Amino acid sequence: MEIKKSGNGELIESARDFLNYLRVERGLSENTIEAYRRAVVRYLEYLDSRNIARLKDIDRICVESYLGTLTSTGEKGYSASSIAQMTSAIRSYHKFLVTHGYAPSDPTGSLPSRKIPRRIPKVLTMTQMEELLSAPPLDDTGVRDRAILEFLYATGMRISELVSLNLSSVDLDERMVFLKGKGGKYRIVPFGRKAQEALKKYLQESRPRLARSSKQQALFLNARGGRLTRQGCWKIIKKHSESCGLGDVVTPHILRHSFATHLLECGANLVVVQELLGHSSVSTTQIYTHVTTSHLREVYRRAHPRA
C-alpha cells in the first residue's frame, strides 16, 4: 500500500507503517485500508501545506484546523458521514503513532467524537425489483446478468462477496452459497428457486461460452473470460437499471438494502436478517426497521377506515 507523495520522510514512513499495521495486525479488508489511505494522504498534504515536518509538532490546534477544512465552504462538500470516517481514520493514525513510539502524545485524544449519522437506506419496491430482474436480454451476457441480479437480490451479499465467488462456493442442489465477508468471517446463505434457475442457466449456457480456460474458477466472468470486477458488476446493474426506466441510481448496495427490507416487510426475524447480511451486531441491521415502519404506516393509512 503506497503513499505516493513527496515531502517529509518521517511522516510518510509512519503513514506506510500505519497502513501495513492495518493489513497485517488488524486484518482489515483492502477496501477499508484504501479508505484509511485516502484519509491519511489528505491529512499529510494538509500538514505539508502548513510546513509541519515533524510528528512532534502536530498539536490539537493543528488537528482541529485540519478538520475545519473538511467542512469549510471552499472544500468540495464532504458529507457528515465522510467527515466522521476521515476523523476516525486520523484518530486511529495518531493512536498508532503513540503506541508504536513514533510520537510522544496523541493530539486527538481530547477531541469530541463525531457521530456518523444513520441514514435510512434507499430501496426498490418489489415491483421495481421485478422489473430490474427481468430487464437483461437472454443472450450470453444477458443470461449472466440475470443470474447476477437474481443472486444479489436472493442473498443480500455485498458486491465484493459476489465477485470473489468461485464455482466451488455454490451448492446448486441445496441452494446454498458460502461467503467470505468483512473481517474474513464466513457464513452460509440460502437462495431461492428463481436464483437457482437463473444460475443453472448461466452455468449451462452462458459461462462455457464466456470462459477462455477450463482452469478459470471464478463463478462470474467478464466478456474476456476473466473474473468479473466490482466496477464491471456496477456497470451491469446501472445499464439494466436505465433500460427498465429506474435511472442510474440503482447500486449493488441498494439491492442488498432491498433484500433486507423486503424480508422484514414479509415477516422475517431481525436476528435472522442480521445473520444473512453478515452484520456483527444487530444494531447495524436495525436501520432497516425504520424503512419497514414507514411501509407499515403507509399500509395502515391506506387500509384503516379511520386513518
C-alpha atoms as a PDB file:
ATOM      1  CA  MET A   1       0.000   0.000   0.000  1.00  0.00           C
ATOM      2  CA  GLU A   2       1.895   3.035  -1.252  1.00  0.00           C
ATOM      3  CA  ILE A   3       1.746   6.607  -0.004  1.00  0.00           C
ATOM      4  CA  LYS A   4       2.666   8.426  -3.199  1.00  0.00           C
ATOM      5  CA  LYS A   5       3.720  11.833  -2.045  1.00  0.00           C
ATOM      6  CA  SER A   6       6.854  13.894  -1.982  1.00  0.00           C
ATOM      7  CA  GLY A   7       7.723  15.567   1.279  1.00  0.00           C
ATOM      8  CA  ASN A   8       8.926  14.735   4.762  1.00  0.00           C
ATOM      9  CA  GLY A   9      10.221  11.197   5.171  1.00  0.00           C
ATOM     10  CA  GLU A  10       9.198  10.839   8.828  1.00  0.00           C
ATOM     11  CA  LEU A  11       5.531  11.467   8.087  1.00  0.00           C
ATOM     12  CA  ILE A  12       5.498   9.226   5.022  1.00  0.00           C
ATOM     13  CA  GLU A  13       7.288   6.361   6.757  1.00  0.00           C
ATOM     14  CA  SER A  14       4.896   6.477   9.718  1.00  0.00           C
ATOM     15  CA  ALA A  15       1.877   6.501   7.395  1.00  0.00           C
ATOM     16  CA  ARG A  16       3.159   3.496   5.456  1.00  0.00           C
ATOM     17  CA  ASP A  17       3.770   1.601   8.668  1.00  0.00           C
ATOM     18  CA  PHE A  18       0.253   2.502   9.827  1.00  0.00           C
ATOM     19  CA  LEU A  19      -1.328   1.060   6.682  1.00  0.00           C
ATOM     20  CA  ASN A  20       0.767  -2.094   6.931  1.00  0.00           C
ATOM     21  CA  TYR A  21      -0.340  -2.417  10.558  1.00  0.00           C
ATOM     22  CA  LEU A  22      -3.996  -2.216   9.468  1.00  0.00           C
ATOM     23  CA  ARG A  23      -3.460  -5.008   6.973  1.00  0.00           C
ATOM     24  CA  VAL A  24      -1.168  -7.357   8.869  1.00  0.00           C
ATOM     25  CA  GLU A  25      -2.116  -6.934  12.531  1.00  0.00           C
ATOM     26  CA  ARG A  26      -5.740  -5.831  12.323  1.00  0.00           C
ATOM     27  CA  GLY A  27      -6.593  -7.815   9.198  1.00  0.00           C
ATOM     28  CA  LEU A  28      -8.800  -5.130   7.653  1.00  0.00           C
ATOM     29  CA  SER A  29     -10.128  -5.547   4.117  1.00  0.00           C
ATOM     30  CA  GLU A  30      -8.394  -3.849   1.202  1.00  0.00           C
ATOM     31  CA  ASN A  31     -11.409  -1.590   0.687  1.00  0.00           C
ATOM     32  CA  THR A  32     -11.236  -0.375   4.289  1.00  0.00           C
ATOM     33  CA  ILE A  33      -7.472   0.113   4.073  1.00  0.00           C
ATOM     34  CA  GLU A  34      -7.915   2.146   0.893  1.00  0.00           C
ATOM     35  CA  ALA A  35     -10.362   4.437   2.716  1.00  0.00           C
ATOM     36  CA  TYR A  36      -7.802   4.920   5.500  1.00  0.00           C
ATOM     37  CA  ARG A  37      -5.093   5.578   2.910  1.00  0.00           C
ATOM     38  CA  ARG A  38      -7.095   8.345   1.238  1.00  0.00           C
ATOM     39  CA  ALA A  39      -7.817   9.985   4.590  1.00  0.00           C
ATOM     40  CA  VAL A  40      -4.170   9.866   5.707  1.00  0.00           C
ATOM     41  CA  VAL A  41      -2.854  11.133   2.346  1.00  0.00           C
ATOM     42  CA  ARG A  42      -5.159  14.130   2.526  1.00  0.00           C
ATOM     43  CA  TYR A  43      -4.024  14.773   6.101  1.00  0.00           C
ATOM     44  CA  LEU A  44      -0.346  14.611   5.136  1.00  0.00           C
ATOM     45  CA  GLU A  45      -0.967  17.031   2.274  1.00  0.00           C
ATOM     46  CA  TYR A  46      -2.503  19.475   4.735  1.00  0.00           C
ATOM     47  CA  LEU A  47       0.447  19.137   7.130  1.00  0.00           C
ATOM     48  CA  ASP A  48       2.839  19.718   4.239  1.00  0.00           C
ATOM     49  CA  SER A  49       0.941  22.888   3.260  1.00  0.00           C
ATOM     50  CA  ARG A  50       1.432  24.147   6.825  1.00  0.00           C
ATOM     51  CA  ASN A  51       5.165  23.318   6.710  1.00  0.00           C
ATOM     52  CA  ILE A  52       4.771  20.798   9.524  1.00  0.00           C
ATOM     53  CA  ALA A  53       7.598  18.320   9.030  1.00  0.00           C
ATOM     54  CA  ARG A  54       7.853  16.506  12.373  1.00  0.00           C
ATOM     55  CA  LEU A  55       5.271  14.373  14.151  1.00  0.00           C
ATOM     56  CA  LYS A  56       6.028  16.020  17.494  1.00  0.00           C
ATOM     57  CA  ASP A  57       4.970  19.371  16.034  1.00  0.00           C
ATOM     58  CA  ILE A  58       1.395  18.226  15.424  1.00  0.00           C
ATOM     59  CA  ASP A  59      -0.841  19.543  18.234  1.00  0.00           C
ATOM     60  CA  ARG A  60      -4.566  19.704  18.903  1.00  0.00           C
ATOM     61  CA  ILE A  61      -4.906  23.132  17.279  1.00  0.00           C
ATOM     62  CA  CYS A  62      -3.341  21.761  14.102  1.00  0.00           C
ATOM     63  CA  VAL A  63      -5.709  18.783  14.010  1.00  0.00           C
ATOM     64  CA  GLU A  64      -8.762  20.973  14.698  1.00  0.00           C
ATOM     65  CA  SER A  65      -7.667  23.336  11.922  1.00  0.00           C
ATOM     66  CA  TYR A  66      -7.398  20.406   9.504  1.00  0.00           C
ATOM     67  CA  LEU A  67     -10.818  19.042  10.466  1.00  0.00           C
ATOM     68  CA  GLY A  68     -12.205  22.537   9.933  1.00  0.00           C
ATOM     69  CA  THR A  69     -11.110  22.424   6.283  1.00  0.00           C
ATOM     70  CA  LEU A  70     -13.365  19.417   5.718  1.00  0.00           C
ATOM     71  CA  THR A  71     -16.487  21.479   6.447  1.00  0.00           C
ATOM     72  CA  SER A  72     -15.368  24.842   5.050  1.00  0.00           C
ATOM     73  CA  THR A  73     -17.267  26.279   2.099  1.00  0.00           C
ATOM     74  CA  GLY A  74     -14.146  26.277  -0.017  1.00  0.00           C
ATOM     75  CA  GLU A  75     -13.914  22.489   0.097  1.00  0.00           C
ATOM     76  CA  LYS A  76     -15.756  20.033  -2.120  1.00  0.00           C
ATOM     77  CA  GLY A  77     -18.594  19.366   0.266  1.00  0.00           C
ATOM     78  CA  TYR A  78     -17.913  16.184   2.216  1.00  0.00           C
ATOM     79  CA  SER A  79     -20.961  14.535   3.743  1.00  0.00           C
ATOM     80  CA  ALA A  80     -21.295  14.264   7.516  1.00  0.00           C
ATOM     81  CA  SER A  81     -20.606  10.524   7.360  1.00  0.00           C
ATOM     82  CA  SER A  82     -17.462  11.056   5.236  1.00  0.00           C
ATOM     83  CA  ILE A  83     -16.144  13.665   7.684  1.00  0.00           C
ATOM     84  CA  ALA A  84     -16.824  11.310  10.599  1.00  0.00           C
ATOM     85  CA  GLN A  85     -14.993   8.481   8.834  1.00  0.00           C
ATOM     86  CA  MET A  86     -11.991  10.676   7.988  1.00  0.00           C
ATOM     87  CA  THR A  87     -11.870  11.917  11.585  1.00  0.00           C
ATOM     88  CA  SER A  88     -11.911   8.322  12.810  1.00  0.00           C
ATOM     89  CA  ALA A  89      -9.039   7.465  10.451  1.00  0.00           C
ATOM     90  CA  ILE A  90      -6.910  10.351  11.766  1.00  0.00           C
ATOM     91  CA  ARG A  91      -7.662   9.309  15.357  1.00  0.00           C
ATOM     92  CA  SER A  92      -6.533   5.748  14.587  1.00  0.00           C
ATOM     93  CA  TYR A  93      -3.382   7.059  12.900  1.00  0.00           C
ATOM     94  CA  HIS A  94      -2.362   9.165  15.900  1.00  0.00           C
ATOM     95  CA  LYS A  95      -3.153   6.380  18.352  1.00  0.00           C
ATOM     96  CA  PHE A  96      -0.893   4.115  16.292  1.00  0.00           C
ATOM     97  CA  LEU A  97       1.891   6.747  16.367  1.00  0.00           C
ATOM     98  CA  VAL A  98       1.872   6.808  20.167  1.00  0.00           C
ATOM     99  CA  THR A  99       1.591   3.056  20.762  1.00  0.00           C
ATOM    100  CA  HIS A 100       4.389   2.333  18.271  1.00  0.00           C
ATOM    101  CA  GLY A 101       6.750   5.015  19.546  1.00  0.00           C
ATOM    102  CA  TYR A 102       6.566   7.470  16.664  1.00  0.00           C
ATOM    103  CA  ALA A 103       5.098  10.311  18.728  1.00  0.00           C
ATOM    104  CA  PRO A 104       5.113  11.193  22.456  1.00  0.00           C
ATOM    105  CA  SER A 105       1.420  12.134  22.696  1.00  0.00           C
ATOM    106  CA  ASP A 106      -1.902  11.935  20.872  1.00  0.00           C
ATOM    107  CA  PRO A 107      -3.305  15.363  19.859  1.00  0.00           C
ATOM    108  CA  THR A 108      -6.686  13.819  19.030  1.00  0.00           C
ATOM    109  CA  GLY A 109      -7.230  12.304  22.478  1.00  0.00           C
ATOM    110  CA  SER A 110      -9.406  15.123  23.823  1.00  0.00           C
ATOM    111  CA  LEU A 111     -11.274  15.879  20.605  1.00  0.00           C
ATOM    112  CA  PRO A 112     -15.055  15.293  20.727  1.00  0.00           C
ATOM    113  CA  SER A 113     -16.231  12.302  18.748  1.00  0.00           C
ATOM    114  CA  ARG A 114     -18.159  12.875  15.551  1.00  0.00           C
ATOM    115  CA  LYS A 115     -21.128  10.542  15.404  1.00  0.00           C
ATOM    116  CA  ILE A 116     -21.800   9.089  11.975  1.00  0.00           C
ATOM    117  CA  PRO A 117     -25.434   9.824  11.139  1.00  0.00           C
ATOM    118  CA  ARG A 118     -27.659   6.834  10.441  1.00  0.00           C
ATOM    119  CA  ARG A 119     -29.309   7.393   7.080  1.00  0.00           C
ATOM    120  CA  ILE A 120     -32.348   5.415   6.021  1.00  0.00           C
ATOM    121  CA  PRO A 121     -31.202   3.327   3.049  1.00  0.00           C
ATOM    122  CA  LYS A 122     -32.772   3.664  -0.371  1.00  0.00           C
ATOM    123  CA  VAL A 123     -34.643   0.569  -1.508  1.00  0.00           C
ATOM    124  CA  LEU A 124     -36.568  -0.609  -4.536  1.00  0.00           C
ATOM    125  CA  THR A 125     -40.191  -1.607  -4.267  1.00  0.00           C
ATOM    126  CA  MET A 126     -40.985  -5.232  -5.019  1.00  0.00           C
ATOM    127  CA  THR A 127     -42.491  -4.171  -8.357  1.00  0.00           C
ATOM    128  CA  GLN A 128     -39.353  -2.221  -9.280  1.00  0.00           C
ATOM    129  CA  MET A 129     -37.264  -5.206  -8.276  1.00  0.00           C
ATOM    130  CA  GLU A 130     -39.250  -7.471 -10.602  1.00  0.00           C
ATOM    131  CA  GLU A 131     -38.743  -5.005 -13.465  1.00  0.00           C
ATOM    132  CA  LEU A 132     -34.999  -4.908 -12.873  1.00  0.00           C
ATOM    133  CA  LEU A 133     -34.659  -8.693 -12.653  1.00  0.00           C
ATOM    134  CA  SER A 134     -36.417  -9.160 -15.992  1.00  0.00           C
ATOM    135  CA  ALA A 135     -34.510  -6.375 -17.779  1.00  0.00           C
ATOM    136  CA  PRO A 136     -31.486  -8.317 -19.165  1.00  0.00           C
ATOM    137  CA  PRO A 137     -31.993  -9.966 -22.589  1.00  0.00           C
ATOM    138  CA  LEU A 138     -31.449 -13.700 -22.991  1.00  0.00           C
ATOM    139  CA  ASP A 139     -28.121 -13.586 -24.860  1.00  0.00           C
ATOM    140  CA  ASP A 140     -24.833 -14.812 -23.330  1.00  0.00           C
ATOM    141  CA  THR A 141     -24.086 -11.719 -21.234  1.00  0.00           C
ATOM    142  CA  GLY A 142     -27.796 -11.174 -20.550  1.00  0.00           C
ATOM    143  CA  VAL A 143     -28.136 -14.666 -19.061  1.00  0.00           C
ATOM    144  CA  ARG A 144     -25.104 -13.911 -16.894  1.00  0.00           C
ATOM    145  CA  ASP A 145     -26.529 -10.541 -15.883  1.00  0.00           C
ATOM    146  CA  ARG A 146     -29.857 -12.098 -14.868  1.00  0.00           C
ATOM    147  CA  ALA A 147     -28.007 -14.604 -12.723  1.00  0.00           C
ATOM    148  CA  ILE A 148     -26.034 -11.779 -11.077  1.00  0.00           C
ATOM    149  CA  LEU A 149     -29.129  -9.709 -10.328  1.00  0.00           C
ATOM    150  CA  GLU A 150     -31.105 -12.702  -9.062  1.00  0.00           C
ATOM    151  CA  PHE A 151     -28.197 -13.812  -6.906  1.00  0.00           C
ATOM    152  CA  LEU A 152     -27.611 -10.381  -5.352  1.00  0.00           C
ATOM    153  CA  TYR A 153     -31.295  -9.989  -4.533  1.00  0.00           C
ATOM    154  CA  ALA A 154     -31.710 -13.585  -3.333  1.00  0.00           C
ATOM    155  CA  THR A 155     -28.797 -13.451  -0.878  1.00  0.00           C
ATOM    156  CA  GLY A 156     -28.204  -9.799   0.027  1.00  0.00           C
ATOM    157  CA  MET A 157     -24.478 -10.341  -0.435  1.00  0.00           C
ATOM    158  CA  ARG A 158     -22.064  -7.469  -0.924  1.00  0.00           C
ATOM    159  CA  ILE A 159     -20.681  -6.830  -4.402  1.00  0.00           C
ATOM    160  CA  SER A 160     -17.174  -7.682  -3.140  1.00  0.00           C
ATOM    161  CA  GLU A 161     -18.509 -11.040  -1.961  1.00  0.00           C
ATOM    162  CA  LEU A 162     -20.189 -11.709  -5.298  1.00  0.00           C
ATOM    163  CA  VAL A 163     -17.137 -11.081  -7.479  1.00  0.00           C
ATOM    164  CA  SER A 164     -14.930 -13.208  -5.209  1.00  0.00           C
ATOM    165  CA  LEU A 165     -17.161 -16.297  -5.597  1.00  0.00           C
ATOM    166  CA  ASN A 166     -15.713 -19.422  -7.171  1.00  0.00           C
ATOM    167  CA  LEU A 167     -17.558 -22.348  -8.717  1.00  0.00           C
ATOM    168  CA  SER A 168     -16.974 -24.294  -5.511  1.00  0.00           C
ATOM    169  CA  SER A 169     -18.681 -21.563  -3.450  1.00  0.00           C
ATOM    170  CA  VAL A 170     -22.163 -22.580  -4.587  1.00  0.00           C
ATOM    171  CA  ASP A 171     -24.183 -25.712  -3.870  1.00  0.00           C
ATOM    172  CA  LEU A 172     -26.889 -25.586  -6.544  1.00  0.00           C
ATOM    173  CA  ASP A 173     -28.762 -28.653  -5.349  1.00  0.00           C
ATOM    174  CA  GLU A 174     -29.016 -27.468  -1.750  1.00  0.00           C
ATOM    175  CA  ARG A 175     -29.381 -23.828  -2.848  1.00  0.00           C
ATOM    176  CA  MET A 176     -26.644 -22.569  -0.525  1.00  0.00           C
ATOM    177  CA  VAL A 177     -23.732 -20.195  -1.097  1.00  0.00           C
ATOM    178  CA  PHE A 178     -20.598 -19.970   1.048  1.00  0.00           C
ATOM    179  CA  LEU A 179     -19.463 -16.375   1.552  1.00  0.00           C
ATOM    180  CA  LYS A 180     -16.359 -14.744   2.983  1.00  0.00           C
ATOM    181  CA  GLY A 181     -17.423 -11.382   4.375  1.00  0.00           C
ATOM    182  CA  LYS A 182     -15.848  -8.468   6.215  1.00  0.00           C
ATOM    183  CA  GLY A 183     -13.067  -9.331   8.620  1.00  0.00           C
ATOM    184  CA  GLY A 184     -12.587 -12.721   6.961  1.00  0.00           C
ATOM    185  CA  LYS A 185     -15.792 -14.062   8.545  1.00  0.00           C
ATOM    186  CA  TYR A 186     -17.526 -16.902   6.723  1.00  0.00           C
ATOM    187  CA  ARG A 187     -21.264 -17.503   6.522  1.00  0.00           C
ATOM    188  CA  ILE A 188     -23.657 -19.738   4.625  1.00  0.00           C
ATOM    189  CA  VAL A 189     -26.646 -18.101   2.935  1.00  0.00           C
ATOM    190  CA  PRO A 190     -29.568 -19.895   1.263  1.00  0.00           C
ATOM    191  CA  PHE A 191     -31.107 -18.726  -2.008  1.00  0.00           C
ATOM    192  CA  GLY A 192     -34.428 -19.411  -3.712  1.00  0.00           C
ATOM    193  CA  ARG A 193     -35.594 -21.304  -6.767  1.00  0.00           C
ATOM    194  CA  LYS A 194     -35.577 -18.281  -9.084  1.00  0.00           C
ATOM    195  CA  ALA A 195     -31.918 -17.620  -8.340  1.00  0.00           C
ATOM    196  CA  GLN A 196     -31.198 -21.344  -8.694  1.00  0.00           C
ATOM    197  CA  GLU A 197     -32.837 -21.424 -12.128  1.00  0.00           C
ATOM    198  CA  ALA A 198     -31.007 -18.288 -13.314  1.00  0.00           C
ATOM    199  CA  LEU A 199     -27.657 -19.563 -12.053  1.00  0.00           C
ATOM    200  CA  LYS A 200     -28.146 -23.015 -13.576  1.00  0.00           C
ATOM    201  CA  LYS A 201     -28.983 -21.477 -16.960  1.00  0.00           C
ATOM    202  CA  TYR A 202     -25.868 -19.289 -16.757  1.00  0.00           C
ATOM    203  CA  LEU A 203     -23.613 -22.226 -15.837  1.00  0.00           C
ATOM    204  CA  GLN A 204     -25.008 -24.450 -18.582  1.00  0.00           C
ATOM    205  CA  GLU A 205     -25.392 -21.981 -21.440  1.00  0.00           C
ATOM    206  CA  SER A 206     -23.516 -18.719 -20.909  1.00  0.00           C
ATOM    207  CA  ARG A 207     -20.451 -19.353 -18.774  1.00  0.00           C
ATOM    208  CA  PRO A 208     -18.998 -22.092 -21.061  1.00  0.00           C
ATOM    209  CA  ARG A 209     -19.011 -19.614 -23.956  1.00  0.00           C
ATOM    210  CA  LEU A 210     -17.502 -16.813 -21.853  1.00  0.00           C
ATOM    211  CA  ALA A 211     -14.758 -18.966 -20.332  1.00  0.00           C
ATOM    212  CA  ARG A 212     -11.407 -18.980 -22.146  1.00  0.00           C
ATOM    213  CA  SER A 213      -9.850 -21.599 -19.903  1.00  0.00           C
ATOM    214  CA  SER A 214     -11.126 -24.674 -18.102  1.00  0.00           C
ATOM    215  CA  LYS A 215      -8.843 -23.688 -15.218  1.00  0.00           C
ATOM    216  CA  GLN A 216     -10.811 -20.486 -14.516  1.00  0.00           C
ATOM    217  CA  GLN A 217     -12.555 -20.993 -11.164  1.00  0.00           C
ATOM    218  CA  ALA A 218     -14.341 -17.650 -10.880  1.00  0.00           C
ATOM    219  CA  LEU A 219     -18.112 -18.014 -10.866  1.00  0.00           C
ATOM    220  CA  PHE A 220     -18.963 -14.833 -12.738  1.00  0.00           C
ATOM    221  CA  LEU A 221     -16.878 -13.991 -15.803  1.00  0.00           C
ATOM    222  CA  ASN A 222     -16.481 -10.887 -17.926  1.00  0.00           C
ATOM    223  CA  ALA A 223     -16.587 -10.829 -21.734  1.00  0.00           C
ATOM    224  CA  ARG A 224     -12.847 -11.663 -21.861  1.00  0.00           C
ATOM    225  CA  GLY A 225     -13.220 -14.778 -19.749  1.00  0.00           C
ATOM    226  CA  GLY A 226     -11.672 -13.291 -16.606  1.00  0.00           C
ATOM    227  CA  ARG A 227     -13.153 -12.741 -13.160  1.00  0.00           C
ATOM    228  CA  LEU A 228     -15.808 -10.047 -13.152  1.00  0.00           C
ATOM    229  CA  THR A 229     -14.682  -6.965 -11.198  1.00  0.00           C
ATOM    230  CA  ARG A 230     -16.603  -4.740  -8.803  1.00  0.00           C
ATOM    231  CA  GLN A 231     -16.587  -1.971 -11.397  1.00  0.00           C
ATOM    232  CA  GLY A 232     -17.838  -4.345 -14.079  1.00  0.00           C
ATOM    233  CA  CYS A 233     -20.691  -5.536 -11.860  1.00  0.00           C
ATOM    234  CA  TRP A 234     -21.592  -1.934 -11.019  1.00  0.00           C
ATOM    235  CA  LYS A 235     -21.845  -1.106 -14.745  1.00  0.00           C
ATOM    236  CA  ILE A 236     -24.060  -4.143 -15.374  1.00  0.00           C
ATOM    237  CA  ILE A 237     -26.555  -3.046 -12.718  1.00  0.00           C
ATOM    238  CA  LYS A 238     -26.508   0.556 -13.931  1.00  0.00           C
ATOM    239  CA  LYS A 239     -27.123  -0.498 -17.557  1.00  0.00           C
ATOM    240  CA  HIS A 240     -30.147  -2.641 -16.766  1.00  0.00           C
ATOM    241  CA  SER A 241     -31.489  -0.123 -14.274  1.00  0.00           C
ATOM    242  CA  GLU A 242     -31.510   2.500 -17.008  1.00  0.00           C
ATOM    243  CA  SER A 243     -33.005   0.106 -19.562  1.00  0.00           C
ATOM    244  CA  CYS A 244     -36.067  -0.587 -17.391  1.00  0.00           C
ATOM    245  CA  GLY A 245     -36.668   3.060 -16.505  1.00  0.00           C
ATOM    246  CA  LEU A 246     -35.243   3.144 -12.985  1.00  0.00           C
ATOM    247  CA  GLY A 247     -32.481   5.581 -13.921  1.00  0.00           C
ATOM    248  CA  ASP A 248     -28.819   5.242 -12.967  1.00  0.00           C
ATOM    249  CA  VAL A 249     -29.260   5.493  -9.186  1.00  0.00           C
ATOM    250  CA  VAL A 250     -29.563   1.745  -8.528  1.00  0.00           C
ATOM    251  CA  THR A 251     -26.365   0.385  -6.984  1.00  0.00           C
ATOM    252  CA  PRO A 252     -25.334  -3.088  -5.791  1.00  0.00           C
ATOM    253  CA  HIS A 253     -25.871  -1.929  -2.218  1.00  0.00           C
ATOM    254  CA  ILE A 254     -29.435  -0.856  -2.995  1.00  0.00           C
ATOM    255  CA  LEU A 255     -30.100  -4.480  -3.950  1.00  0.00           C
ATOM    256  CA  ARG A 256     -28.688  -5.503  -0.556  1.00  0.00           C
ATOM    257  CA  HIS A 257     -30.913  -2.925   1.172  1.00  0.00           C
ATOM    258  CA  SER A 258     -33.933  -4.142  -0.802  1.00  0.00           C
ATOM    259  CA  PHE A 259     -33.200  -7.754   0.158  1.00  0.00           C
ATOM    260  CA  ALA A 260     -33.196  -6.907   3.864  1.00  0.00           C
ATOM    261  CA  THR A 261     -36.181  -4.577   3.723  1.00  0.00           C
ATOM    262  CA  HIS A 262     -38.396  -6.958   1.758  1.00  0.00           C
ATOM    263  CA  LEU A 263     -37.579  -9.811   4.154  1.00  0.00           C
ATOM    264  CA  LEU A 264     -38.588  -7.706   7.160  1.00  0.00           C
ATOM    265  CA  GLU A 265     -41.729  -6.443   5.424  1.00  0.00           C
ATOM    266  CA  CYS A 266     -42.756 -10.054   4.840  1.00  0.00           C
ATOM    267  CA  GLY A 267     -42.267 -11.016   8.485  1.00  0.00           C
ATOM    268  CA  ALA A 268     -38.648 -12.185   8.767  1.00  0.00           C
ATOM    269  CA  ASN A 269     -36.985 -12.030  12.182  1.00  0.00           C
ATOM    270  CA  LEU A 270     -34.449  -9.211  12.609  1.00  0.00           C
ATOM    271  CA  VAL A 271     -31.792 -11.554  14.015  1.00  0.00           C
ATOM    272  CA  VAL A 272     -32.188 -13.880  11.026  1.00  0.00           C
ATOM    273  CA  VAL A 273     -31.723 -10.939   8.640  1.00  0.00           C
ATOM    274  CA  GLN A 274     -28.642  -9.938  10.635  1.00  0.00           C
ATOM    275  CA  GLU A 275     -27.131 -13.377  10.098  1.00  0.00           C
ATOM    276  CA  LEU A 276     -27.960 -13.380   6.394  1.00  0.00           C
ATOM    277  CA  LEU A 277     -26.356  -9.972   5.885  1.00  0.00           C
ATOM    278  CA  GLY A 278     -23.273 -10.886   7.900  1.00  0.00           C
ATOM    279  CA  HIS A 279     -23.630  -7.986  10.338  1.00  0.00           C
ATOM    280  CA  SER A 280     -21.594  -8.398  13.518  1.00  0.00           C
ATOM    281  CA  SER A 281     -24.203  -6.503  15.553  1.00  0.00           C
ATOM    282  CA  VAL A 282     -27.988  -6.451  15.305  1.00  0.00           C
ATOM    283  CA  SER A 283     -27.862  -2.673  15.836  1.00  0.00           C
ATOM    284  CA  THR A 284     -26.463  -2.344  12.306  1.00  0.00           C
ATOM    285  CA  THR A 285     -29.421  -4.276  10.918  1.00  0.00           C
ATOM    286  CA  GLN A 286     -31.946  -2.176  12.852  1.00  0.00           C
ATOM    287  CA  ILE A 287     -31.633   0.652  10.318  1.00  0.00           C
ATOM    288  CA  TYR A 288     -33.950  -1.384   8.087  1.00  0.00           C
ATOM    289  CA  THR A 289     -36.710  -1.339  10.693  1.00  0.00           C
ATOM    290  CA  HIS A 290     -37.138   2.388  10.013  1.00  0.00           C
ATOM    291  CA  VAL A 291     -37.926   1.580   6.399  1.00  0.00           C
ATOM    292  CA  THR A 292     -40.418  -1.127   7.283  1.00  0.00           C
ATOM    293  CA  THR A 293     -42.071   1.133   9.858  1.00  0.00           C
ATOM    294  CA  SER A 294     -42.659   3.671   7.096  1.00  0.00           C
ATOM    295  CA  HIS A 295     -44.132   0.886   4.983  1.00  0.00           C
ATOM    296  CA  LEU A 296     -46.453  -0.184   7.830  1.00  0.00           C
ATOM    297  CA  ARG A 297     -47.638   3.383   8.332  1.00  0.00           C
ATOM    298  CA  GLU A 298     -48.448   3.710   4.631  1.00  0.00           C
ATOM    299  CA  VAL A 299     -50.344   0.404   4.612  1.00  0.00           C
ATOM    300  CA  TYR A 300     -52.241   1.485   7.729  1.00  0.00           C
ATOM    301  CA  ARG A 301     -53.100   4.880   6.197  1.00  0.00           C
ATOM    302  CA  ARG A 302     -54.496   3.231   3.073  1.00  0.00           C
ATOM    303  CA  ALA A 303     -56.278   0.350   4.796  1.00  0.00           C
ATOM    304  CA  HIS A 304     -57.770   1.647   8.053  1.00  0.00           C
ATOM    305  CA  PRO A 305     -61.175   3.345   7.679  1.00  0.00           C
ATOM    306  CA  ARG A 306     -60.370   5.967  10.328  1.00  0.00           C
ATOM    307  CA  ALA A 307     -56.713   6.570   9.452  1.00  0.00           C
END
